[in-house]
C-alpha atoms as a PDB file:
ATOM      1  CA  MET A   1     240.135  64.872  66.505  1.00  0.00           C
ATOM      2  CA  ALA A   2     239.554  61.680  63.569  1.00  0.00           C
ATOM      3  CA  GLY A   3     239.917  63.153  60.542  1.00  0.00           C
ATOM      4  CA  THR A   4     238.345  60.615  58.495  1.00  0.00           C
ATOM      5  CA  LEU A   5     234.631  60.243  58.375  1.00  0.00           C
ATOM      6  CA  SER A   6     234.239  57.165  57.441  1.00  0.00           C
ATOM      7  CA  SER A   7     230.615  55.692  56.207  1.00  0.00           C
ATOM      8  CA  THR A   8     228.541  53.343  58.374  1.00  0.00           C
ATOM      9  CA  PRO A   9     224.991  52.024  57.273  1.00  0.00           C
ATOM     10  CA  ARG A  10     221.389  52.824  58.849  1.00  0.00           C
ATOM     11  CA  PRO A  11     221.616  51.420  62.529  1.00  0.00           C
ATOM     12  CA  LEU A  12     217.972  49.101  63.390  1.00  0.00           C
ATOM     13  CA  GLN A  13     215.524  51.685  64.930  1.00  0.00           C
ATOM     14  CA  SER A  14     214.692  51.360  68.397  1.00  0.00           C
ATOM     15  CA  ASP A  15     211.624  52.873  70.491  1.00  0.00           C
ATOM     16  CA  GLY A  16     212.240  55.715  72.594  1.00  0.00           C
ATOM     17  CA  ALA A  17     211.605  59.538  72.033  1.00  0.00           C
ATOM     18  CA  ILE A  18     215.466  59.785  70.973  1.00  0.00           C
ATOM     19  CA  PRO A  19     215.872  57.570  68.122  1.00  0.00           C
ATOM     20  CA  PHE A  20     212.818  58.994  67.149  1.00  0.00           C
ATOM     21  CA  VAL A  21     213.978  62.497  67.340  1.00  0.00           C
ATOM     22  CA  VAL A  22     217.460  61.759  65.830  1.00  0.00           C
ATOM     23  CA  ASP A  23     217.001  59.466  63.473  1.00  0.00           C
ATOM     24  CA  GLU A  24     213.324  59.528  62.633  1.00  0.00           C
ATOM     25  CA  LEU A  25     213.015  63.495  62.450  1.00  0.00           C
ATOM     26  CA  TRP A  26     216.300  64.409  61.574  1.00  0.00           C
ATOM     27  CA  GLY A  27     217.961  61.738  59.848  1.00  0.00           C
ATOM     28  CA  GLY A  28     214.353  61.436  57.858  1.00  0.00           C
ATOM     29  CA  LEU A  29     214.731  65.272  56.894  1.00  0.00           C
ATOM     30  CA  LEU A  30     218.326  64.684  56.061  1.00  0.00           C
ATOM     31  CA  ASP A  31     217.409  61.869  54.124  1.00  0.00           C
ATOM     32  CA  ALA A  32     214.912  63.994  51.724  1.00  0.00           C
ATOM     33  CA  LEU A  33     217.245  66.567  50.930  1.00  0.00           C
ATOM     34  CA  ALA A  34     219.859  64.115  50.039  1.00  0.00           C
ATOM     35  CA  GLY A  35     217.126  62.682  48.122  1.00  0.00           C
ATOM     36  CA  VAL A  36     216.049  66.276  46.353  1.00  0.00           C
ATOM     37  CA  THR A  37     219.695  67.632  45.962  1.00  0.00           C
ATOM     38  CA  GLY A  38     221.291  64.470  45.320  1.00  0.00           C
ATOM     39  CA  ILE A  39     224.344  65.125  47.960  1.00  0.00           C
ATOM     40  CA  GLU A  40     225.008  61.842  49.084  1.00  0.00           C
ATOM     41  CA  LEU A  41     226.682  62.633  52.594  1.00  0.00           C
ATOM     42  CA  LEU A  42     223.360  63.700  54.053  1.00  0.00           C
ATOM     43  CA  GLY A  43     222.178  60.314  53.667  1.00  0.00           C
ATOM     44  CA  PHE A  44     224.797  58.919  55.823  1.00  0.00           C
ATOM     45  CA  PRO A  45     223.709  58.235  59.127  1.00  0.00           C
ATOM     46  CA  PHE A  46     227.114  58.950  61.033  1.00  0.00           C
ATOM     47  CA  MET A  47     227.022  62.816  58.879  1.00  0.00           C
ATOM     48  CA  GLN A  48     223.584  63.290  60.173  1.00  0.00           C
ATOM     49  CA  ARG A  49     224.459  62.617  64.233  1.00  0.00           C
ATOM     50  CA  ALA A  50     227.405  64.717  63.285  1.00  0.00           C
ATOM     51  CA  TYR A  51     225.541  67.753  61.627  1.00  0.00           C
ATOM     52  CA  LEU A  52     222.992  67.586  64.474  1.00  0.00           C
ATOM     53  CA  ALA A  53     225.538  67.939  67.179  1.00  0.00           C
ATOM     54  CA  ALA A  54     227.140  70.588  65.407  1.00  0.00           C
ATOM     55  CA  VAL A  55     224.482  72.052  64.900  1.00  0.00           C
ATOM     56  CA  CYS A  56     223.574  72.206  68.905  1.00  0.00           C
ATOM     57  CA  VAL A  57     227.435  73.359  69.529  1.00  0.00           C
ATOM     58  CA  ALA A  58     226.944  76.426  67.051  1.00  0.00           C
ATOM     59  CA  VAL A  59     223.788  77.603  69.375  1.00  0.00           C
ATOM     60  CA  LEU A  60     225.454  77.073  72.134  1.00  0.00           C
ATOM     61  CA  GLY A  61     228.412  78.196  71.859  1.00  0.00           C
ATOM     62  CA  PRO A  62     226.938  82.215  70.902  1.00  0.00           C
ATOM     63  CA  LEU A  63     224.158  82.029  73.086  1.00  0.00           C
ATOM     64  CA  VAL A  64     226.372  82.157  76.353  1.00  0.00           C
ATOM     65  CA  GLY A  65     229.628  83.471  74.484  1.00  0.00           C
ATOM     66  CA  SER A  66     227.849  86.827  73.831  1.00  0.00           C
ATOM     67  CA  PHE A  67     227.685  87.559  77.291  1.00  0.00           C
ATOM     68  CA  LEU A  68     231.488  86.072  78.451  1.00  0.00           C
ATOM     69  CA  VAL A  69     232.724  88.120  75.118  1.00  0.00           C
ATOM     70  CA  HIS A  70     230.850  91.155  76.438  1.00  0.00           C
ATOM     71  CA  ARG A  71     232.067  90.781  79.788  1.00  0.00           C
ATOM     72  CA  GLU A  72     235.603  90.867  78.994  1.00  0.00           C
ATOM     73  CA  MET A  73     235.858  87.045  79.659  1.00  0.00           C
ATOM     74  CA  ALA A  74     236.243  85.800  76.695  1.00  0.00           C
ATOM     75  CA  MET A  75     238.901  83.227  78.040  1.00  0.00           C
ATOM     76  CA  ILE A  76     236.668  81.580  80.300  1.00  0.00           C
ATOM     77  CA  GLY A  77     235.634  79.175  77.847  1.00  0.00           C
ATOM     78  CA  ASP A  78     239.447  77.782  77.327  1.00  0.00           C
ATOM     79  CA  THR A  79     239.781  77.584  81.231  1.00  0.00           C
ATOM     80  CA  LEU A  80     237.166  75.522  82.112  1.00  0.00           C
ATOM     81  CA  ALA A  81     237.996  73.342  78.734  1.00  0.00           C
ATOM     82  CA  HIS A  82     240.730  72.392  80.511  1.00  0.00           C
ATOM     83  CA  SER A  83     239.404  72.223  83.703  1.00  0.00           C
ATOM     84  CA  ALA A  84     236.904  69.678  82.053  1.00  0.00           C
ATOM     85  CA  PHE A  85     239.698  67.737  81.046  1.00  0.00           C
ATOM     86  CA  ALA A  86     240.914  67.262  84.375  1.00  0.00           C
ATOM     87  CA  GLY A  87     237.716  65.600  85.076  1.00  0.00           C
ATOM     88  CA  VAL A  88     238.002  63.137  82.526  1.00  0.00           C
ATOM     89  CA  ALA A  89     241.365  62.162  83.507  1.00  0.00           C
ATOM     90  CA  ALA A  90     239.731  62.003  86.822  1.00  0.00           C
ATOM     91  CA  GLY A  91     237.319  59.731  85.513  1.00  0.00           C
ATOM     92  CA  LEU A  92     239.390  57.727  83.427  1.00  0.00           C
ATOM     93  CA  PHE A  93     241.638  57.291  86.743  1.00  0.00           C
ATOM     94  CA  VAL A  94     239.550  56.162  89.285  1.00  0.00           C
ATOM     95  CA  ASN A  95     237.622  54.046  86.488  1.00  0.00           C
ATOM     96  CA  SER A  96     241.231  52.587  86.218  1.00  0.00           C
ATOM     97  CA  LEU A  97     242.205  52.338  89.396  1.00  0.00           C
ATOM     98  CA  PHE A  98     239.021  50.932  91.385  1.00  0.00           C
ATOM     99  CA  ALA A  99     237.165  49.492  88.611  1.00  0.00           C
ATOM    100  CA  VAL A 100     233.929  50.852  89.169  1.00  0.00           C
ATOM    101  CA  ALA A 101     232.360  52.975  85.909  1.00  0.00           C
ATOM    102  CA  VAL A 102     232.137  56.895  86.946  1.00  0.00           C
ATOM    103  CA  PRO A 103     230.942  58.716  83.021  1.00  0.00           C
ATOM    104  CA  PRO A 104     234.562  60.849  82.380  1.00  0.00           C
ATOM    105  CA  LEU A 105     231.997  63.603  81.116  1.00  0.00           C
ATOM    106  CA  LEU A 106     229.904  63.478  84.231  1.00  0.00           C
ATOM    107  CA  ALA A 107     233.431  63.805  85.764  1.00  0.00           C
ATOM    108  CA  ALA A 108     234.378  66.655  83.699  1.00  0.00           C
ATOM    109  CA  LEU A 109     230.934  68.290  83.981  1.00  0.00           C
ATOM    110  CA  VAL A 110     231.299  68.185  87.960  1.00  0.00           C
ATOM    111  CA  VAL A 111     234.870  69.353  88.003  1.00  0.00           C
ATOM    112  CA  ALA A 112     234.164  72.229  84.968  1.00  0.00           C
ATOM    113  CA  ALA A 113     231.127  73.357  87.501  1.00  0.00           C
ATOM    114  CA  VAL A 114     233.355  73.566  90.289  1.00  0.00           C
ATOM    115  CA  ALA A 115     235.805  75.244  88.549  1.00  0.00           C
ATOM    116  CA  ALA A 116     233.819  77.850  87.150  1.00  0.00           C
ATOM    117  CA  LEU A 117     232.761  78.781  90.629  1.00  0.00           C
ATOM    118  CA  LEU A 118     236.198  78.894  91.960  1.00  0.00           C
ATOM    119  CA  VAL A 119     236.901  81.064  89.470  1.00  0.00           C
ATOM    120  CA  GLN A 120     233.877  83.580  90.686  1.00  0.00           C
ATOM    121  CA  ALA A 121     235.306  82.930  93.405  1.00  0.00           C
ATOM    122  CA  LEU A 122     238.537  84.238  93.265  1.00  0.00           C
ATOM    123  CA  ILE A 123     237.470  87.134  91.340  1.00  0.00           C
ATOM    124  CA  ASP A 124     234.517  87.817  94.058  1.00  0.00           C
ATOM    125  CA  ALA A 125     235.919  87.114  97.074  1.00  0.00           C
ATOM    126  CA  ALA A 126     239.976  87.617  96.349  1.00  0.00           C
ATOM    127  CA  GLY A 127     239.633  90.587  94.601  1.00  0.00           C
ATOM    128  CA  ALA A 128     242.006  89.257  91.618  1.00  0.00           C
ATOM    129  CA  TYR A 129     242.332  90.485  88.497  1.00  0.00           C
ATOM    130  CA  ARG A 130     240.079  88.396  85.760  1.00  0.00           C
ATOM    131  CA  ASP A 131     242.577  87.355  83.568  1.00  0.00           C
ATOM    132  CA  THR A 132     244.924  86.143  86.852  1.00  0.00           C
ATOM    133  CA  SER A 133     242.184  84.073  88.003  1.00  0.00           C
ATOM    134  CA  LEU A 134     241.636  82.525  84.727  1.00  0.00           C
ATOM    135  CA  ALA A 135     245.130  81.774  84.481  1.00  0.00           C
ATOM    136  CA  ILE A 136     245.481  80.152  88.080  1.00  0.00           C
ATOM    137  CA  VAL A 137     242.495  77.816  87.744  1.00  0.00           C
ATOM    138  CA  LEU A 138     244.052  77.003  83.879  1.00  0.00           C
ATOM    139  CA  THR A 139     247.090  76.139  84.651  1.00  0.00           C
ATOM    140  CA  GLY A 140     246.130  74.405  88.006  1.00  0.00           C
ATOM    141  CA  SER A 141     243.435  72.239  86.804  1.00  0.00           C
ATOM    142  CA  PHE A 142     245.300  71.125  83.217  1.00  0.00           C
ATOM    143  CA  ALA A 143     248.344  70.357  86.240  1.00  0.00           C
ATOM    144  CA  VAL A 144     246.182  67.919  87.964  1.00  0.00           C
ATOM    145  CA  GLY A 145     245.247  65.911  84.671  1.00  0.00           C
ATOM    146  CA  SER A 146     248.817  65.585  83.902  1.00  0.00           C
ATOM    147  CA  VAL A 147     249.558  64.148  87.183  1.00  0.00           C
ATOM    148  CA  LEU A 148     246.463  61.596  86.844  1.00  0.00           C
ATOM    149  CA  LEU A 149     247.821  60.976  83.287  1.00  0.00           C
ATOM    150  CA  THR A 150     250.313  59.813  84.441  1.00  0.00           C
ATOM    151  CA  ALA A 151     250.246  58.422  87.906  1.00  0.00           C
ATOM    152  CA  THR A 152     248.531  55.440  85.943  1.00  0.00           C
ATOM    153  CA  ASP A 153     252.043  54.789  83.766  1.00  0.00           C
ATOM    154  CA  GLY A 154     249.916  56.546  81.039  1.00  0.00           C
ATOM    155  CA  GLY A 155     247.663  53.118  80.767  1.00  0.00           C
ATOM    156  CA  ILE A 156     244.451  55.992  80.278  1.00  0.00           C
ATOM    157  CA  ALA A 157     246.529  58.105  77.846  1.00  0.00           C
ATOM    158  CA  VAL A 158     244.928  56.346  75.314  1.00  0.00           C
ATOM    159  CA  GLY A 159     241.446  56.401  76.595  1.00  0.00           C
ATOM    160  CA  ILE A 160     241.550  60.751  76.835  1.00  0.00           C
ATOM    161  CA  ASP A 161     242.495  61.419  72.963  1.00  0.00           C
ATOM    162  CA  ALA A 162     239.078  61.484  71.959  1.00  0.00           C
ATOM    163  CA  TYR A 163     238.389  64.861  74.687  1.00  0.00           C
ATOM    164  CA  LEU A 164     241.387  66.329  73.710  1.00  0.00           C
ATOM    165  CA  PHE A 165     241.148  66.291  70.266  1.00  0.00           C
ATOM    166  CA  GLY A 166     237.598  65.742  69.887  1.00  0.00           C
ATOM    167  CA  SER A 167     235.789  63.135  67.234  1.00  0.00           C
ATOM    168  CA  LEU A 168     232.886  63.550  64.881  1.00  0.00           C
ATOM    169  CA  ALA A 169     233.458  60.635  62.921  1.00  0.00           C
ATOM    170  CA  THR A 170     232.214  58.909  66.782  1.00  0.00           C
ATOM    171  CA  VAL A 171     229.527  60.590  67.566  1.00  0.00           C
ATOM    172  CA  SER A 172     227.068  58.349  68.638  1.00  0.00           C
ATOM    173  CA  ARG A 173     223.083  58.415  69.364  1.00  0.00           C
ATOM    174  CA  ALA A 174     223.799  58.860  73.221  1.00  0.00           C
ATOM    175  CA  ASN A 175     226.560  61.437  72.487  1.00  0.00           C
ATOM    176  CA  VAL A 176     223.664  63.271  70.482  1.00  0.00           C
ATOM    177  CA  ALA A 177     221.104  62.687  72.583  1.00  0.00           C
ATOM    178  CA  THR A 178     223.261  64.298  76.042  1.00  0.00           C
ATOM    179  CA  LEU A 179     223.926  67.251  73.669  1.00  0.00           C
ATOM    180  CA  LEU A 180     220.129  68.333  73.036  1.00  0.00           C
ATOM    181  CA  ALA A 181     219.544  67.897  76.557  1.00  0.00           C
ATOM    182  CA  MET A 182     222.093  70.478  77.630  1.00  0.00           C
ATOM    183  CA  SER A 183     221.290  72.359  74.738  1.00  0.00           C
ATOM    184  CA  ALA A 184     217.545  72.300  75.896  1.00  0.00           C
ATOM    185  CA  VAL A 185     218.761  73.361  79.713  1.00  0.00           C
ATOM    186  CA  VAL A 186     220.968  76.140  78.606  1.00  0.00           C
ATOM    187  CA  ALA A 187     218.302  77.665  76.061  1.00  0.00           C
ATOM    188  CA  ALA A 188     215.545  77.405  78.501  1.00  0.00           C
ATOM    189  CA  THR A 189     217.889  79.106  81.390  1.00  0.00           C
ATOM    190  CA  VAL A 190     219.109  81.832  79.354  1.00  0.00           C
ATOM    191  CA  GLY A 191     215.547  82.920  78.057  1.00  0.00           C
ATOM    192  CA  ALA A 192     214.435  82.790  81.796  1.00  0.00           C
ATOM    193  CA  ALA A 193     217.655  84.668  83.315  1.00  0.00           C
ATOM    194  CA  TYR A 194     218.127  86.935  79.977  1.00  0.00           C
ATOM    195  CA  ARG A 195     217.049  90.275  81.476  1.00  0.00           C
ATOM    196  CA  PRO A 196     219.180  90.092  84.516  1.00  0.00           C
ATOM    197  CA  LEU A 197     222.178  88.470  82.803  1.00  0.00           C
ATOM    198  CA  LEU A 198     221.845  91.180  79.505  1.00  0.00           C
ATOM    199  CA  TYR A 199     221.688  94.008  83.394  1.00  0.00           C
ATOM    200  CA  VAL A 200     224.833  93.038  85.041  1.00  0.00           C
ATOM    201  CA  THR A 201     226.698  91.751  81.608  1.00  0.00           C
ATOM    202  CA  PHE A 202     226.982  95.726  81.066  1.00  0.00           C
ATOM    203  CA  ASP A 203     226.243  97.228  83.882  1.00  0.00           C
ATOM    204  CA  GLU A 204     226.787  95.114  87.268  1.00  0.00           C
ATOM    205  CA  VAL A 205     226.955  98.700  89.077  1.00  0.00           C
ATOM    206  CA  GLY A 206     223.660  99.393  88.034  1.00  0.00           C
ATOM    207  CA  ALA A 207     222.451  95.784  88.720  1.00  0.00           C
ATOM    208  CA  ARG A 208     223.491  95.722  92.600  1.00  0.00           C
ATOM    209  CA  ALA A 209     221.817  99.451  92.979  1.00  0.00           C
ATOM    210  CA  ALA A 210     218.554  97.826  91.504  1.00  0.00           C
ATOM    211  CA  GLY A 211     218.722  95.130  93.661  1.00  0.00           C
ATOM    212  CA  ILE A 212     219.664  92.644  91.475  1.00  0.00           C
ATOM    213  CA  PRO A 213     221.796  89.267  93.178  1.00  0.00           C
ATOM    214  CA  VAL A 214     224.551  90.010  90.851  1.00  0.00           C
ATOM    215  CA  GLY A 215     226.971  87.397  92.154  1.00  0.00           C
ATOM    216  CA  ARG A 216     223.943  84.743  91.735  1.00  0.00           C
ATOM    217  CA  TYR A 217     223.635  85.578  87.894  1.00  0.00           C
ATOM    218  CA  ASN A 218     227.570  85.683  87.998  1.00  0.00           C
ATOM    219  CA  ARG A 219     227.574  82.223  89.040  1.00  0.00           C
ATOM    220  CA  LEU A 220     224.534  81.062  87.171  1.00  0.00           C
ATOM    221  CA  LEU A 221     226.462  82.111  83.889  1.00  0.00           C
ATOM    222  CA  ALA A 222     229.961  80.538  85.224  1.00  0.00           C
ATOM    223  CA  VAL A 223     228.102  77.506  85.191  1.00  0.00           C
ATOM    224  CA  LEU A 224     226.021  77.396  82.240  1.00  0.00           C
ATOM    225  CA  THR A 225     229.604  78.175  80.133  1.00  0.00           C
ATOM    226  CA  ALA A 226     230.846  74.623  81.850  1.00  0.00           C
ATOM    227  CA  VAL A 227     227.421  72.973  80.742  1.00  0.00           C
ATOM    228  CA  VAL A 228     228.399  74.458  77.203  1.00  0.00           C
ATOM    229  CA  VAL A 229     232.126  73.620  77.142  1.00  0.00           C
ATOM    230  CA  VAL A 230     231.224  69.779  78.183  1.00  0.00           C
ATOM    231  CA  GLY A 231     228.795  69.182  76.052  1.00  0.00           C
ATOM    232  CA  ALA A 232     231.078  70.540  72.620  1.00  0.00           C
ATOM    233  CA  MET A 233     233.740  68.898  74.374  1.00  0.00           C
ATOM    234  CA  GLN A 234     233.892  65.616  72.897  1.00  0.00           C
ATOM    235  CA  ILE A 235     233.038  66.940  69.461  1.00  0.00           C
ATOM    236  CA  MET A 236     235.553  70.083  69.721  1.00  0.00           C
ATOM    237  CA  GLY A 237     237.724  68.884  71.530  1.00  0.00           C
ATOM    238  CA  VAL A 238     239.710  70.584  74.449  1.00  0.00           C
ATOM    239  CA  ILE A 239     241.797  72.248  72.547  1.00  0.00           C
ATOM    240  CA  LEU A 240     239.675  73.872  70.030  1.00  0.00           C
ATOM    241  CA  VAL A 241     236.346  74.011  72.727  1.00  0.00           C
ATOM    242  CA  ALA A 242     236.638  77.447  73.353  1.00  0.00           C
ATOM    243  CA  ALA A 243     236.664  79.405  70.123  1.00  0.00           C
ATOM    244  CA  MET A 244     232.334  78.685  69.651  1.00  0.00           C
ATOM    245  CA  LEU A 245     232.296  80.533  72.873  1.00  0.00           C
ATOM    246  CA  VAL A 246     233.947  83.763  71.043  1.00  0.00           C
ATOM    247  CA  VAL A 247     234.935  83.373  67.395  1.00  0.00           C
ATOM    248  CA  PRO A 248     231.107  83.943  65.972  1.00  0.00           C
ATOM    249  CA  THR A 249     230.421  86.593  68.850  1.00  0.00           C
ATOM    250  CA  ALA A 250     233.193  87.998  67.694  1.00  0.00           C
ATOM    251  CA  THR A 251     231.934  87.905  63.714  1.00  0.00           C
ATOM    252  CA  ALA A 252     228.733  89.277  64.911  1.00  0.00           C
ATOM    253  CA  ALA A 253     230.598  92.445  67.029  1.00  0.00           C
ATOM    254  CA  ALA A 254     229.555  95.228  64.656  1.00  0.00           C
ATOM    255  CA  ILE A 255     225.611  93.834  64.901  1.00  0.00           C
ATOM    256  CA  ARG A 256     223.404  96.478  66.514  1.00  0.00           C
ATOM    257  CA  GLY A 257     220.655  95.510  69.234  1.00  0.00           C
ATOM    258  CA  PHE A 258     221.905  92.415  71.919  1.00  0.00           C
ATOM    259  CA  LYS A 259     219.914  90.035  70.578  1.00  0.00           C
ATOM    260  CA  ARG A 260     219.902  90.314  66.914  1.00  0.00           C
ATOM    261  CA  SER A 261     223.836  90.074  67.879  1.00  0.00           C
ATOM    262  CA  ILE A 262     223.155  87.145  68.982  1.00  0.00           C
ATOM    263  CA  ALA A 263     221.309  86.119  66.011  1.00  0.00           C
ATOM    264  CA  VAL A 264     224.185  86.298  63.508  1.00  0.00           C
ATOM    265  CA  ALA A 265     226.597  84.890  65.842  1.00  0.00           C
ATOM    266  CA  VAL A 266     224.345  81.872  65.481  1.00  0.00           C
ATOM    267  CA  ALA A 267     223.840  81.778  62.182  1.00  0.00           C
ATOM    268  CA  ALA A 268     227.486  82.578  61.453  1.00  0.00           C
ATOM    269  CA  GLY A 269     227.992  79.523  64.263  1.00  0.00           C
ATOM    270  CA  LEU A 270     225.934  77.713  61.889  1.00  0.00           C
ATOM    271  CA  PHE A 271     227.863  78.136  58.608  1.00  0.00           C
ATOM    272  CA  ALA A 272     231.331  77.325  60.347  1.00  0.00           C
ATOM    273  CA  THR A 273     229.779  74.093  62.121  1.00  0.00           C
ATOM    274  CA  THR A 274     228.237  73.049  58.892  1.00  0.00           C
ATOM    275  CA  ALA A 275     231.063  74.244  56.547  1.00  0.00           C
ATOM    276  CA  GLY A 276     233.578  72.500  58.536  1.00  0.00           C
ATOM    277  CA  VAL A 277     232.124  69.473  59.113  1.00  0.00           C
ATOM    278  CA  THR A 278     231.179  68.689  54.676  1.00  0.00           C
ATOM    279  CA  LEU A 279     235.051  69.770  54.013  1.00  0.00           C
ATOM    280  CA  SER A 280     236.976  67.615  56.420  1.00  0.00           C
ATOM    281  CA  TYR A 281     234.464  64.744  55.293  1.00  0.00           C
ATOM    282  CA  LEU A 282     235.257  66.141  51.264  1.00  0.00           C
ATOM    283  CA  TYR A 283     239.165  66.646  52.211  1.00  0.00           C
ATOM    284  CA  ASP A 284     239.698  63.743  55.104  1.00  0.00           C
ATOM    285  CA  VAL A 285     240.698  66.179  57.429  1.00  0.00           C
ATOM    286  CA  ALA A 286     240.230  67.470  61.298  1.00  0.00           C
ATOM    287  CA  ALA A 287     236.888  68.315  62.001  1.00  0.00           C
ATOM    288  CA  GLY A 288     236.788  70.357  64.559  1.00  0.00           C
ATOM    289  CA  GLY A 289     240.218  72.090  63.326  1.00  0.00           C
ATOM    290  CA  THR A 290     238.171  72.706  60.211  1.00  0.00           C
ATOM    291  CA  ILE A 291     235.183  74.237  61.766  1.00  0.00           C
ATOM    292  CA  VAL A 292     237.630  76.878  63.588  1.00  0.00           C
ATOM    293  CA  LEU A 293     239.703  77.908  60.537  1.00  0.00           C
ATOM    294  CA  VAL A 294     236.061  78.606  59.005  1.00  0.00           C
ATOM    295  CA  ALA A 295     234.572  80.020  61.940  1.00  0.00           C
ATOM    296  CA  ILE A 296     237.911  82.482  61.405  1.00  0.00           C
ATOM    297  CA  GLY A 297     237.622  83.249  57.965  1.00  0.00           C
ATOM    298  CA  GLY A 298     233.973  83.896  58.810  1.00  0.00           C
ATOM    299  CA  TYR A 299     235.264  86.871  61.540  1.00  0.00           C
ATOM    300  CA  ALA A 300     237.908  88.195  59.239  1.00  0.00           C
ATOM    301  CA  ALA A 301     235.436  88.206  56.420  1.00  0.00           C
ATOM    302  CA  SER A 302     233.335  90.120  58.424  1.00  0.00           C
ATOM    303  CA  THR A 303     235.601  92.575  59.838  1.00  0.00           C
ATOM    304  CA  LEU A 304     236.784  93.271  55.948  1.00  0.00           C
ATOM    305  CA  ALA A 305     233.667  94.189  54.933  1.00  0.00           C
ATOM    306  CA  VAL A 306     232.742  96.799  57.971  1.00  0.00           C
ATOM    307  CA  ARG A 307     236.061  98.615  57.358  1.00  0.00           C
ATOM    308  CA  ILE A 308     235.591  98.676  53.896  1.00  0.00           C
ATOM    309  CA  GLY A 309     231.603 100.088  54.608  1.00  0.00           C
ATOM    310  CA  ARG A 310     232.920 102.595  56.615  1.00  0.00           C
ATOM    311  CA  ASN A 311     235.390 104.225  54.321  1.00  0.00           C
END
């Protein structure tokens, strides 16, 4: 991931809902904060977009990750991230070979969603252990991606770097708009399906007995995870994207009540992302890695606090 977040002037405004939300509402809010606090970086348009993208990732990760962690499927994020990598490679490969314009993120979303359904199918139909299913899909996806990268004599390797390592420095208005749309869809879906998802997460046998279509909700959760992974991938990178599904949720593990634990996990994610973006700018280091390290530090601090409280 690019370590440097360089300053750029605010672009000329244009009509439309997205420029209004990103530049006028969000940008105006941070401009006001910059004026009140004297913190100059809050007024930079590229940093404003980076903070907004980071906030979306901080909310999306725990919102879906809380269900995954309690189902002992925390590593599905890593599996789908590698599947999304194969999707990006496929998109870039098709673009290079046939001179067409296939959006790499769209290819990543399609492949990651198919991989999510494949993982669930292996668990449900083939009777494979969950970790075995994840390992099969992860290694297979990464193998496909690596083959496609070398099939063009490495010609698309440069184009895929941003997806491997992410970049907050180059977050565009279009990237933020896509992430906002994904956030709205995921949040609305989780809200609508919250009760059956919760039931399936904590008592799958009981849910089946109650007539809940468990398979359908399992597939829904898998696809939602794919959406979160693809949404965060260009910002965090394939290597780090799974961390925001797991680490904030683990930080809130000691909180009683599932809704309260999600709220605390989101708060932990917000702290990690905003602090990580700020530190990456101040010290000229990789933003994604910094975010993950801050998140792990928060997890370590919360674990220590719980142990001290019990003694």
